[in-house]
Amino acid sequence: MPTINSTLSLGKRALLAHQGAMGLGADNVANVNTPGYARKIADLRSAPGIRNALGAFGGGVDLLGAHGERDMFIERQVRSALGEAGRGQTSHQMLRMIEEVFGELSSVGLSNAFDRFWNAWHDLSNDPSSMTSRNALLGTSINLTRKFHDIDRQLNDQAERINEQITVKASRVNAITQELVRINEDLSRLNGEAPELVDRCSLLLDELTGLTGATYRFEDNGTVSVFLDGAAMVMDFDRQIIGVERDDNGNCSLVLSDAGNRSLNVATGEIGGLFEVRDETLAELRQRLDELAATLAREVNSVHLTGYGLNGSTGIDFFDPETTGISDIAINYRIANDASLIAASSDGSPGDNRIALLIAELENRAVLSDGSETIGEAYGSIATWLGVRVANAEIENEGAQLALYQAESWREAVSGVSLDEEMAKLIASQLAFNASAKLISMADSMLEQVLALVR
């Protein structure tokens, strides 16, 4: 049967165990708003008892340690959602910024510049011998080319902004993997028994998957391995360093510096969203605009070459014949210096307006998309296409954010700190602590009485 000393030992164990449980509860309350913190659960176990001829008697309770309350399945759901939410939000933000480049909701948009350009040719056809109309047409045409150049510059700025963000985020990924290696070293030394390190590791994995959509696994020794595009970014105490390279166009790409600069493809996360906008939307948008500008220059020049200016000049291009797109479209330098060279006549007579009319009618000629769209319709198609991409990106982003919210709600239900629940546990631990103290006091009183009998 239990002795007084074993009862004292049992009380001491219980006192220390419930004191530790109260400390964990206080830590949970203190970290209720700490990012990445998972509520700590006390691992209380019944201590080995005493077995003798009279039977088995309990040995009390031990506090073996503590662990963070996490559901690994939900953790993976959250990080998968973080990757998609990072890609969706980044894509939507960048597309909105690109959409604003066109300024179609104001009077300075490209469509307004086109309208003024065609109207200026109509005005010239109404008075083909007028220098005033020619000067007005020249000014309007220069404004149109400047609008193309403005769009080109702003698209270049957007591309450079994306490249800068990719570079910054790649640097952040390197910092995260470096810290994960340090955490792996500590977790390996402690055999994974360090809840605060696990919390920090979890927070870093959240950020890393949000940036890149990387995958991961926890090893038996408590360390974490991280993988991206088939490469082990972190394994044990080693990591891969991401480098950034620029091509001839100034666009950056990611490489693995420690793997012979092997190309690294990131398709999701914030970085994946940046690559998607730059290499798909921005590239196609520029291709469409370049085709629009080159077609405009080619079609106007083909008619203008056959016409005559006020001084009888002919065979002169209106736009620079070397025009390839929005970056280099320009008015022929000869016409820019002398508006009288603008052709309106088809036979050289000052009063003839047939060339001016033919150019004005280009507004309604289907010269793009295999002869199915006019220049104005083609530009409208570009604006519509971009608007649809922005709208779809917004819908995808909202869906991704909702999925992330739901996943984080599930994680919060498992790992989050409930103040009401923690206070209830604290009260229970306090009552158990007080009871253990009373048990020790009672055993001590019994021991004094036994000693008094001996004396």
Protein backbone atom coordinates (compact mmCIF):
# COMPACT_ATOMS: atom_id res chain seq x y z
CA MET A 1 0.00 0.00 0.00
CA PRO A 2 1.17 3.59 -0.55
CA THR A 3 3.38 5.08 2.10
CA ILE A 4 3.30 8.61 3.39
CA ASN A 5 6.50 9.33 1.44
CA SER A 6 4.95 8.01 -1.79
CA THR A 7 1.93 10.21 -1.13
CA LEU A 8 4.23 13.20 -0.71
CA SER A 9 5.99 12.29 -3.95
CA LEU A 10 2.65 11.91 -5.70
CA GLY A 11 1.55 15.33 -4.49
CA LYS A 12 4.82 16.92 -5.57
CA ARG A 13 4.46 15.44 -9.07
CA ALA A 14 0.92 16.69 -9.33
CA LEU A 15 1.91 20.13 -8.05
CA LEU A 16 4.67 20.50 -10.65
CA ALA A 17 2.54 19.06 -13.46
CA HIS A 18 -0.38 21.40 -12.89
CA GLN A 19 1.96 24.33 -12.35
CA GLY A 20 3.43 23.59 -15.78
CA ALA A 21 -0.07 23.30 -17.29
CA MET A 22 -0.96 26.71 -15.88
CA GLY A 23 2.22 28.12 -17.42
CA LEU A 24 1.22 26.75 -20.82
CA GLY A 25 -2.24 28.22 -20.45
CA ALA A 26 -0.75 31.62 -19.59
CA ASP A 27 1.54 31.32 -22.64
CA ASN A 28 -1.49 30.59 -24.85
CA VAL A 29 -3.31 33.65 -23.54
CA ALA A 30 -0.24 35.83 -24.02
CA ASN A 31 0.11 34.69 -27.66
CA VAL A 32 -3.55 34.93 -28.63
CA ASN A 33 -2.69 37.42 -31.40
CA THR A 34 0.78 36.14 -32.33
CA PRO A 35 1.00 35.20 -36.07
CA GLY A 36 1.84 31.53 -36.65
CA TYR A 37 1.28 30.55 -33.03
CA ALA A 38 -0.45 27.23 -32.40
CA ARG A 39 -2.02 26.76 -28.99
CA LYS A 40 0.05 24.54 -26.73
CA ILE A 41 -1.38 21.40 -25.17
CA ALA A 42 0.10 19.95 -21.98
CA ASP A 43 1.08 16.28 -22.34
CA LEU A 44 -0.11 14.96 -18.99
CA ARG A 45 0.47 11.25 -18.37
CA SER A 46 -0.34 9.00 -15.46
CA ALA A 47 2.92 8.13 -13.67
CA PRO A 48 3.88 4.48 -13.06
CA GLY A 49 2.30 3.19 -9.88
CA ILE A 50 3.33 0.84 -7.11
CA ARG A 51 2.61 -2.86 -7.39
CA ASN A 52 2.82 -5.19 -4.39
CA ALA A 53 0.94 -8.04 -2.81
CA LEU A 54 -1.86 -5.69 -1.84
CA GLY A 55 -2.46 -4.52 -5.43
CA ALA A 56 -1.52 -1.70 -7.79
CA PHE A 57 -1.54 1.88 -6.62
CA GLY A 58 -1.30 5.00 -8.83
CA GLY A 59 1.85 7.05 -9.05
CA GLY A 60 0.20 10.38 -9.76
CA VAL A 61 0.74 12.51 -12.88
CA ASP A 62 3.73 13.73 -14.88
CA LEU A 63 3.99 16.62 -17.32
CA LEU A 64 5.96 15.02 -20.17
CA GLY A 65 6.06 18.14 -22.29
CA ALA A 66 3.91 20.23 -24.59
CA HIS A 67 3.00 20.26 -28.28
CA GLY A 68 1.40 22.72 -30.64
CA GLU A 69 -2.09 21.70 -31.72
CA ARG A 70 -1.91 21.33 -35.51
CA ASP A 71 -3.75 19.36 -38.16
CA MET A 72 -1.24 18.56 -40.92
CA PHE A 73 -3.98 18.02 -43.52
CA ILE A 74 -5.47 21.46 -42.80
CA GLU A 75 -1.98 23.00 -42.79
CA ARG A 76 -1.44 21.69 -46.32
CA GLN A 77 -4.85 23.00 -47.38
CA VAL A 78 -3.97 26.45 -46.07
CA ARG A 79 -0.63 26.54 -47.87
CA SER A 80 -2.09 25.32 -51.11
CA ALA A 81 -4.69 28.08 -50.83
CA LEU A 82 -1.95 30.60 -50.02
CA GLY A 83 -0.16 29.80 -53.27
CA GLU A 84 -3.31 30.28 -55.36
CA ALA A 85 -4.35 33.39 -53.43
CA GLY A 86 -0.90 34.91 -53.89
CA ARG A 87 -1.01 34.28 -57.64
CA GLY A 88 -4.60 35.51 -57.98
CA GLN A 89 -4.16 38.69 -55.99
CA THR A 90 -0.89 39.62 -57.70
CA SER A 91 -2.28 38.95 -61.19
CA HIS A 92 -5.39 41.02 -60.49
CA GLN A 93 -3.43 43.96 -59.10
CA MET A 94 -0.98 44.04 -61.99
CA LEU A 95 -3.72 43.70 -64.62
CA ARG A 96 -5.63 46.59 -63.07
CA MET A 97 -2.51 48.73 -63.33
CA ILE A 98 -2.05 47.74 -66.98
CA GLU A 99 -5.69 48.54 -67.72
CA GLU A 100 -5.19 52.05 -66.36
CA VAL A 101 -2.43 52.63 -68.92
CA PHE A 102 -5.00 53.02 -71.68
CA GLY A 103 -7.01 55.71 -69.91
CA GLU A 104 -10.14 54.78 -71.85
CA LEU A 105 -12.41 56.24 -69.19
CA SER A 106 -11.00 59.72 -69.86
CA SER A 107 -10.58 62.01 -72.86
CA VAL A 108 -6.92 61.11 -73.29
CA GLY A 109 -7.33 57.48 -74.32
CA LEU A 110 -6.02 56.01 -77.55
CA SER A 111 -9.51 55.61 -78.99
CA ASN A 112 -10.04 59.37 -78.61
CA ALA A 113 -6.72 59.99 -80.38
CA PHE A 114 -7.84 57.73 -83.23
CA ASP A 115 -11.14 59.62 -83.55
CA ARG A 116 -9.32 62.92 -83.83
CA PHE A 117 -6.91 61.47 -86.41
CA TRP A 118 -9.70 60.25 -88.71
CA ASN A 119 -11.69 63.47 -88.22
CA ALA A 120 -8.63 65.50 -89.24
CA TRP A 121 -8.48 63.62 -92.56
CA HIS A 122 -12.18 64.30 -93.10
CA ASP A 123 -11.55 68.00 -92.40
CA LEU A 124 -8.75 67.99 -94.97
CA SER A 125 -11.00 66.30 -97.54
CA ASN A 126 -13.50 69.13 -97.03
CA ASP A 127 -10.80 71.74 -97.80
CA PRO A 128 -7.95 69.92 -99.62
CA SER A 129 -6.00 73.07 -100.43
CA SER A 130 -5.94 74.35 -96.86
CA MET A 131 -2.63 74.60 -94.98
CA THR A 132 -4.57 75.15 -91.78
CA SER A 133 -6.22 71.75 -92.15
CA ARG A 134 -2.85 70.18 -92.93
CA ASN A 135 -1.23 71.71 -89.86
CA ALA A 136 -4.13 70.53 -87.73
CA LEU A 137 -3.81 67.03 -89.21
CA LEU A 138 -0.07 67.03 -88.54
CA GLY A 139 -0.61 68.04 -84.92
CA THR A 140 -3.32 65.40 -84.43
CA SER A 141 -1.12 62.72 -86.06
CA ILE A 142 1.84 63.60 -83.87
CA ASN A 143 -0.46 63.39 -80.84
CA LEU A 144 -1.54 59.88 -81.96
CA THR A 145 2.05 58.68 -82.26
CA ARG A 146 2.87 60.22 -78.88
CA LYS A 147 -0.05 58.32 -77.39
CA PHE A 148 1.38 55.11 -78.81
CA HIS A 149 4.76 56.03 -77.35
CA ASP A 150 3.20 56.83 -73.97
CA ILE A 151 1.56 53.40 -73.92
CA ASP A 152 4.86 51.80 -74.90
CA ARG A 153 6.69 53.63 -72.12
CA GLN A 154 4.08 52.75 -69.52
CA LEU A 155 4.00 49.10 -70.58
CA ASN A 156 7.79 49.06 -70.31
CA ASP A 157 7.46 50.61 -66.85
CA GLN A 158 4.97 47.91 -65.86
CA ALA A 159 7.30 45.20 -67.13
CA GLU A 160 10.21 46.71 -65.23
CA ARG A 161 8.10 47.01 -62.10
CA ILE A 162 7.26 43.32 -62.43
CA ASN A 163 10.94 42.45 -62.90
CA GLU A 164 11.86 44.45 -59.82
CA GLN A 165 9.18 42.71 -57.77
CA ILE A 166 10.36 39.30 -58.97
CA THR A 167 13.90 40.22 -57.91
CA VAL A 168 12.78 41.44 -54.49
CA LYS A 169 10.58 38.40 -53.87
CA ALA A 170 13.34 36.01 -55.00
CA SER A 171 15.63 37.66 -52.45
CA ARG A 172 12.97 37.11 -49.79
CA VAL A 173 12.71 33.43 -50.76
CA ASN A 174 16.48 33.10 -50.24
CA ALA A 175 16.18 34.70 -46.81
CA ILE A 176 13.37 32.30 -45.87
CA THR A 177 15.26 29.20 -46.97
CA GLN A 178 18.33 30.40 -45.08
CA GLU A 179 16.29 30.76 -41.89
CA LEU A 180 14.65 27.36 -42.44
CA VAL A 181 18.11 25.78 -42.56
CA ARG A 182 18.96 27.37 -39.21
CA ILE A 183 15.67 26.11 -37.77
CA ASN A 184 16.41 22.62 -39.14
CA GLU A 185 19.74 22.64 -37.31
CA ASP A 186 18.03 23.53 -34.03
CA LEU A 187 15.14 21.09 -34.53
CA SER A 188 17.56 18.27 -35.35
CA ARG A 189 19.55 18.96 -32.20
CA LEU A 190 16.35 19.04 -30.11
CA ASN A 191 14.76 16.11 -31.97
CA GLY A 192 11.84 18.32 -32.98
CA GLU A 193 10.87 19.06 -29.35
CA ALA A 194 10.72 22.85 -29.65
CA PRO A 195 7.19 24.20 -30.17
CA GLU A 196 8.39 27.78 -30.63
CA LEU A 197 10.66 26.70 -33.50
CA VAL A 198 7.82 24.73 -35.09
CA ASP A 199 5.66 27.87 -34.90
CA ARG A 200 8.34 29.93 -36.63
CA CYS A 201 8.85 27.22 -39.24
CA SER A 202 5.10 27.14 -39.91
CA LEU A 203 4.98 30.91 -40.36
CA LEU A 204 7.90 30.80 -42.81
CA LEU A 205 6.27 27.97 -44.79
CA ASP A 206 3.10 30.06 -45.05
CA GLU A 207 5.07 32.97 -46.50
CA LEU A 208 7.14 30.75 -48.79
CA THR A 209 4.14 28.94 -50.28
CA GLY A 210 2.37 32.27 -50.72
CA LEU A 211 5.36 33.52 -52.71
CA THR A 212 6.12 30.43 -54.79
CA GLY A 213 3.60 27.63 -54.19
CA ALA A 214 6.48 25.44 -52.98
CA THR A 215 5.77 21.99 -51.52
CA TYR A 216 7.30 20.55 -48.36
CA ARG A 217 7.49 17.56 -46.04
CA PHE A 218 8.53 17.04 -42.44
CA GLU A 219 11.24 14.47 -41.82
CA ASP A 220 11.43 11.95 -38.97
CA ASN A 221 14.04 14.04 -37.14
CA GLY A 222 11.67 17.04 -37.07
CA THR A 223 13.35 18.98 -39.90
CA VAL A 224 11.50 20.27 -42.94
CA SER A 225 12.37 19.76 -46.63
CA VAL A 226 11.13 22.22 -49.24
CA PHE A 227 10.75 21.56 -52.98
CA LEU A 228 10.16 23.87 -55.92
CA ASP A 229 10.00 22.90 -59.60
CA GLY A 230 11.53 19.51 -58.82
CA ALA A 231 14.47 21.00 -56.92
CA ALA A 232 15.16 20.55 -53.21
CA MET A 233 15.31 24.15 -52.02
CA VAL A 234 15.86 23.06 -48.40
CA MET A 235 16.96 19.62 -47.21
CA ASP A 236 18.50 18.98 -43.82
CA PHE A 237 21.12 21.72 -43.44
CA ASP A 238 21.55 22.58 -47.13
CA ARG A 239 19.65 24.94 -49.41
CA GLN A 240 19.53 26.12 -53.01
CA ILE A 241 20.08 29.80 -53.72
CA ILE A 242 17.85 31.49 -56.30
CA GLY A 243 19.61 33.80 -58.72
CA VAL A 244 18.11 36.36 -61.13
CA GLU A 245 19.24 36.71 -64.73
CA ARG A 246 18.24 39.30 -67.35
CA ASP A 247 17.76 38.59 -71.06
CA ASP A 248 18.41 40.98 -73.96
CA ASN A 249 14.97 42.56 -73.47
CA GLY A 250 15.64 43.25 -69.79
CA ASN A 251 13.22 40.58 -68.57
CA CYS A 252 14.44 38.63 -65.57
CA SER A 253 14.24 34.90 -65.02
CA LEU A 254 15.01 32.74 -61.98
CA VAL A 255 17.85 30.23 -61.87
CA LEU A 256 19.35 27.90 -59.28
CA SER A 257 22.79 29.36 -58.65
CA ASP A 258 24.09 26.18 -57.01
CA ALA A 259 22.84 23.93 -59.82
CA GLY A 260 24.67 25.38 -62.79
CA ASN A 261 22.13 28.21 -63.17
CA ARG A 262 19.40 25.75 -64.04
CA SER A 263 16.22 27.57 -65.01
CA LEU A 264 13.60 27.65 -62.26
CA ASN A 265 9.95 27.71 -63.28
CA VAL A 266 7.54 29.22 -60.75
CA ALA A 267 3.93 28.92 -61.87
CA THR A 268 1.98 29.86 -58.77
CA GLY A 269 2.26 32.07 -55.74
CA GLU A 270 2.97 35.79 -56.00
CA ILE A 271 6.03 35.20 -58.16
CA GLY A 272 4.04 32.92 -60.47
CA GLY A 273 1.40 35.64 -60.83
CA LEU A 274 4.06 38.16 -61.83
CA PHE A 275 5.51 35.84 -64.48
CA GLU A 276 2.02 35.09 -65.78
CA VAL A 277 1.13 38.75 -66.28
CA ARG A 278 4.49 39.66 -67.82
CA ASP A 279 4.97 36.66 -70.12
CA GLU A 280 1.37 36.09 -71.16
CA THR A 281 -0.89 39.12 -70.80
CA LEU A 282 1.70 41.86 -71.24
CA ALA A 283 3.46 40.06 -74.09
CA GLU A 284 0.23 39.40 -76.00
CA LEU A 285 -1.00 42.93 -75.37
CA ARG A 286 2.19 44.41 -76.79
CA GLN A 287 2.02 42.08 -79.80
CA ARG A 288 -1.53 43.19 -80.57
CA LEU A 289 -0.69 46.87 -80.19
CA ASP A 290 2.42 46.53 -82.34
CA GLU A 291 0.35 44.91 -85.07
CA LEU A 292 -2.22 47.70 -84.78
CA ALA A 293 0.40 50.47 -85.10
CA ALA A 294 2.29 48.75 -87.93
CA THR A 295 -0.94 48.13 -89.86
CA LEU A 296 -2.06 51.74 -89.43
CA ALA A 297 1.28 53.01 -90.77
CA ARG A 298 1.31 50.54 -93.66
CA GLU A 299 -2.28 51.17 -94.79
CA VAL A 300 -2.06 54.97 -94.58
CA ASN A 301 1.31 54.95 -96.36
CA SER A 302 0.03 52.71 -99.17
CA VAL A 303 -2.60 55.32 -100.05
CA HIS A 304 -0.55 58.42 -99.27
CA LEU A 305 2.29 57.31 -101.55
CA THR A 306 -0.04 57.65 -104.59
CA GLY A 307 -1.22 61.16 -103.73
CA TYR A 308 0.09 64.67 -104.28
CA GLY A 309 0.90 67.44 -101.84
CA LEU A 310 0.25 71.16 -102.36
CA ASN A 311 3.56 71.62 -104.17
CA GLY A 312 3.01 68.60 -106.44
CA SER A 313 5.17 66.27 -104.37
CA THR A 314 4.29 62.57 -104.54
CA GLY A 315 5.61 59.16 -103.52
CA ILE A 316 6.04 60.26 -99.89
CA ASP A 317 5.10 58.06 -96.92
CA PHE A 318 2.95 59.72 -94.28
CA PHE A 319 4.31 57.56 -91.44
CA ASP A 320 7.91 56.41 -91.09
CA PRO A 321 8.10 53.40 -93.44
CA GLU A 322 10.33 51.59 -90.91
CA THR A 323 7.50 51.46 -88.35
CA THR A 324 7.30 48.07 -86.61
CA GLY A 325 5.07 48.85 -83.64
CA ILE A 326 4.10 51.23 -80.89
CA SER A 327 7.68 51.97 -79.87
CA ASP A 328 8.83 53.42 -83.21
CA ILE A 329 5.71 54.65 -85.02
CA ALA A 330 6.38 58.22 -86.14
CA ILE A 331 5.43 60.76 -88.77
CA ASN A 332 7.73 60.79 -91.80
CA TYR A 333 10.40 63.38 -90.95
CA ARG A 334 9.81 65.17 -94.28
CA ILE A 335 6.13 65.72 -93.53
CA ALA A 336 6.90 66.61 -89.92
CA ASN A 337 9.07 69.45 -91.24
CA ASP A 338 6.71 70.53 -94.04
CA ALA A 339 2.95 69.95 -93.74
CA SER A 340 2.45 71.00 -97.37
CA LEU A 341 3.79 67.56 -98.35
CA ILE A 342 0.65 65.94 -96.92
CA ALA A 343 -1.16 64.45 -99.90
CA ALA A 344 -4.87 65.08 -100.41
CA SER A 345 -5.09 65.04 -104.22
CA SER A 346 -4.98 62.04 -106.53
CA ASP A 347 -4.08 64.01 -109.67
CA GLY A 348 -2.00 66.89 -108.37
CA SER A 349 -4.75 69.53 -108.54
CA PRO A 350 -5.10 71.50 -105.27
CA GLY A 351 -8.88 71.11 -105.16
CA ASP A 352 -8.91 67.30 -105.51
CA ASN A 353 -9.66 65.46 -102.25
CA ARG A 354 -9.77 61.82 -103.28
CA ILE A 355 -6.60 60.73 -101.43
CA ALA A 356 -7.74 62.46 -98.23
CA LEU A 357 -11.10 60.72 -98.56
CA LEU A 358 -9.49 57.30 -99.16
CA ILE A 359 -7.35 57.67 -96.05
CA ALA A 360 -10.32 58.90 -94.01
CA GLU A 361 -12.29 55.86 -95.22
CA LEU A 362 -9.58 53.54 -93.84
CA GLU A 363 -11.39 54.04 -90.55
CA ASN A 364 -14.11 51.72 -91.88
CA ARG A 365 -11.97 49.29 -93.90
CA ALA A 366 -11.37 45.79 -92.48
CA VAL A 367 -7.59 45.52 -92.64
CA LEU A 368 -6.83 43.50 -89.50
CA SER A 369 -7.53 39.96 -88.24
CA ASP A 370 -7.46 38.50 -91.76
CA GLY A 371 -9.71 41.21 -93.08
CA SER A 372 -12.42 40.89 -90.43
CA GLU A 373 -11.76 44.02 -88.33
CA THR A 374 -11.20 47.70 -88.93
CA ILE A 375 -8.44 49.49 -87.09
CA GLY A 376 -10.97 50.91 -84.63
CA GLU A 377 -12.62 47.53 -84.13
CA ALA A 378 -9.24 45.89 -83.62
CA TYR A 379 -8.38 48.41 -80.92
CA GLY A 380 -11.81 47.86 -79.37
CA SER A 381 -11.10 44.12 -79.39
CA ILE A 382 -7.81 44.75 -77.58
CA ALA A 383 -9.52 46.87 -74.93
CA THR A 384 -12.30 44.28 -74.56
CA TRP A 385 -9.80 41.42 -74.36
CA LEU A 386 -7.88 43.21 -71.62
CA GLY A 387 -11.10 44.06 -69.77
CA VAL A 388 -12.15 40.41 -69.86
CA ARG A 389 -8.74 39.36 -68.52
CA VAL A 390 -9.08 41.86 -65.67
CA ALA A 391 -12.64 40.70 -64.89
CA ASN A 392 -11.63 37.03 -64.96
CA ALA A 393 -8.63 37.76 -62.74
CA GLU A 394 -10.92 39.52 -60.26
CA ILE A 395 -13.28 36.52 -60.17
CA GLU A 396 -10.36 34.10 -59.74
CA ASN A 397 -8.87 36.26 -57.02
CA GLU A 398 -12.15 36.43 -55.12
CA GLY A 399 -12.51 32.64 -55.34
CA ALA A 400 -8.93 32.10 -54.19
CA GLN A 401 -9.32 34.53 -51.29
CA LEU A 402 -12.54 32.79 -50.23
CA ALA A 403 -10.84 29.37 -50.34
CA LEU A 404 -7.97 30.79 -48.27
CA TYR A 405 -10.38 32.32 -45.75
CA GLN A 406 -12.16 28.99 -45.32
CA ALA A 407 -8.89 27.07 -44.93
CA GLU A 408 -7.56 29.59 -42.40
CA SER A 409 -10.86 29.37 -40.51
CA TRP A 410 -10.41 25.59 -40.24
CA ARG A 411 -6.85 26.08 -39.00
CA GLU A 412 -7.95 28.70 -36.51
CA ALA A 413 -10.56 26.31 -35.14
CA VAL A 414 -7.85 23.71 -34.52
CA SER A 415 -4.76 25.75 -33.69
CA GLY A 416 -6.12 29.12 -32.62
CA VAL A 417 -6.33 30.28 -29.03
CA SER A 418 -9.79 30.63 -27.51
CA LEU A 419 -9.60 32.91 -24.48
CA ASP A 420 -12.74 31.42 -22.94
CA GLU A 421 -11.40 27.88 -23.31
CA GLU A 422 -7.98 28.83 -21.96
CA MET A 423 -9.47 30.55 -18.92
CA ALA A 424 -11.55 27.45 -18.18
CA LYS A 425 -8.43 25.28 -18.42
CA LEU A 426 -6.49 27.70 -16.22
CA ILE A 427 -9.17 27.49 -13.54
CA ALA A 428 -9.15 23.68 -13.75
CA SER A 429 -5.34 23.59 -13.47
CA GLN A 430 -5.46 26.02 -10.56
CA LEU A 431 -7.98 23.87 -8.71
CA ALA A 432 -5.84 20.79 -9.35
CA PHE A 433 -2.77 22.70 -8.17
CA ASN A 434 -4.55 23.75 -4.96
CA ALA A 435 -5.74 20.20 -4.39
CA SER A 436 -2.18 18.91 -4.86
CA ALA A 437 -0.92 21.43 -2.33
CA LYS A 438 -3.57 20.28 0.15
CA LEU A 439 -2.54 16.67 -0.47
CA ILE A 440 1.07 17.54 0.35
CA SER A 441 -0.06 19.44 3.45
CA MET A 442 -2.18 16.47 4.58
CA ALA A 443 0.67 13.98 4.01
CA ASP A 444 3.06 16.28 5.89
CA SER A 445 0.62 16.42 8.83
CA MET A 446 0.35 12.63 8.84
CA LEU A 447 4.14 12.33 8.84
CA GLU A 448 4.43 14.69 11.81
CA GLN A 449 1.89 12.62 13.74
CA VAL A 450 3.81 9.42 13.01
CA LEU A 451 7.06 11.02 14.14
CA ALA A 452 5.33 12.23 17.30
CA LEU A 453 4.24 8.68 18.08
CA VAL A 454 7.82 7.49 17.66
CA ARG A 455 9.15 10.14 19.97
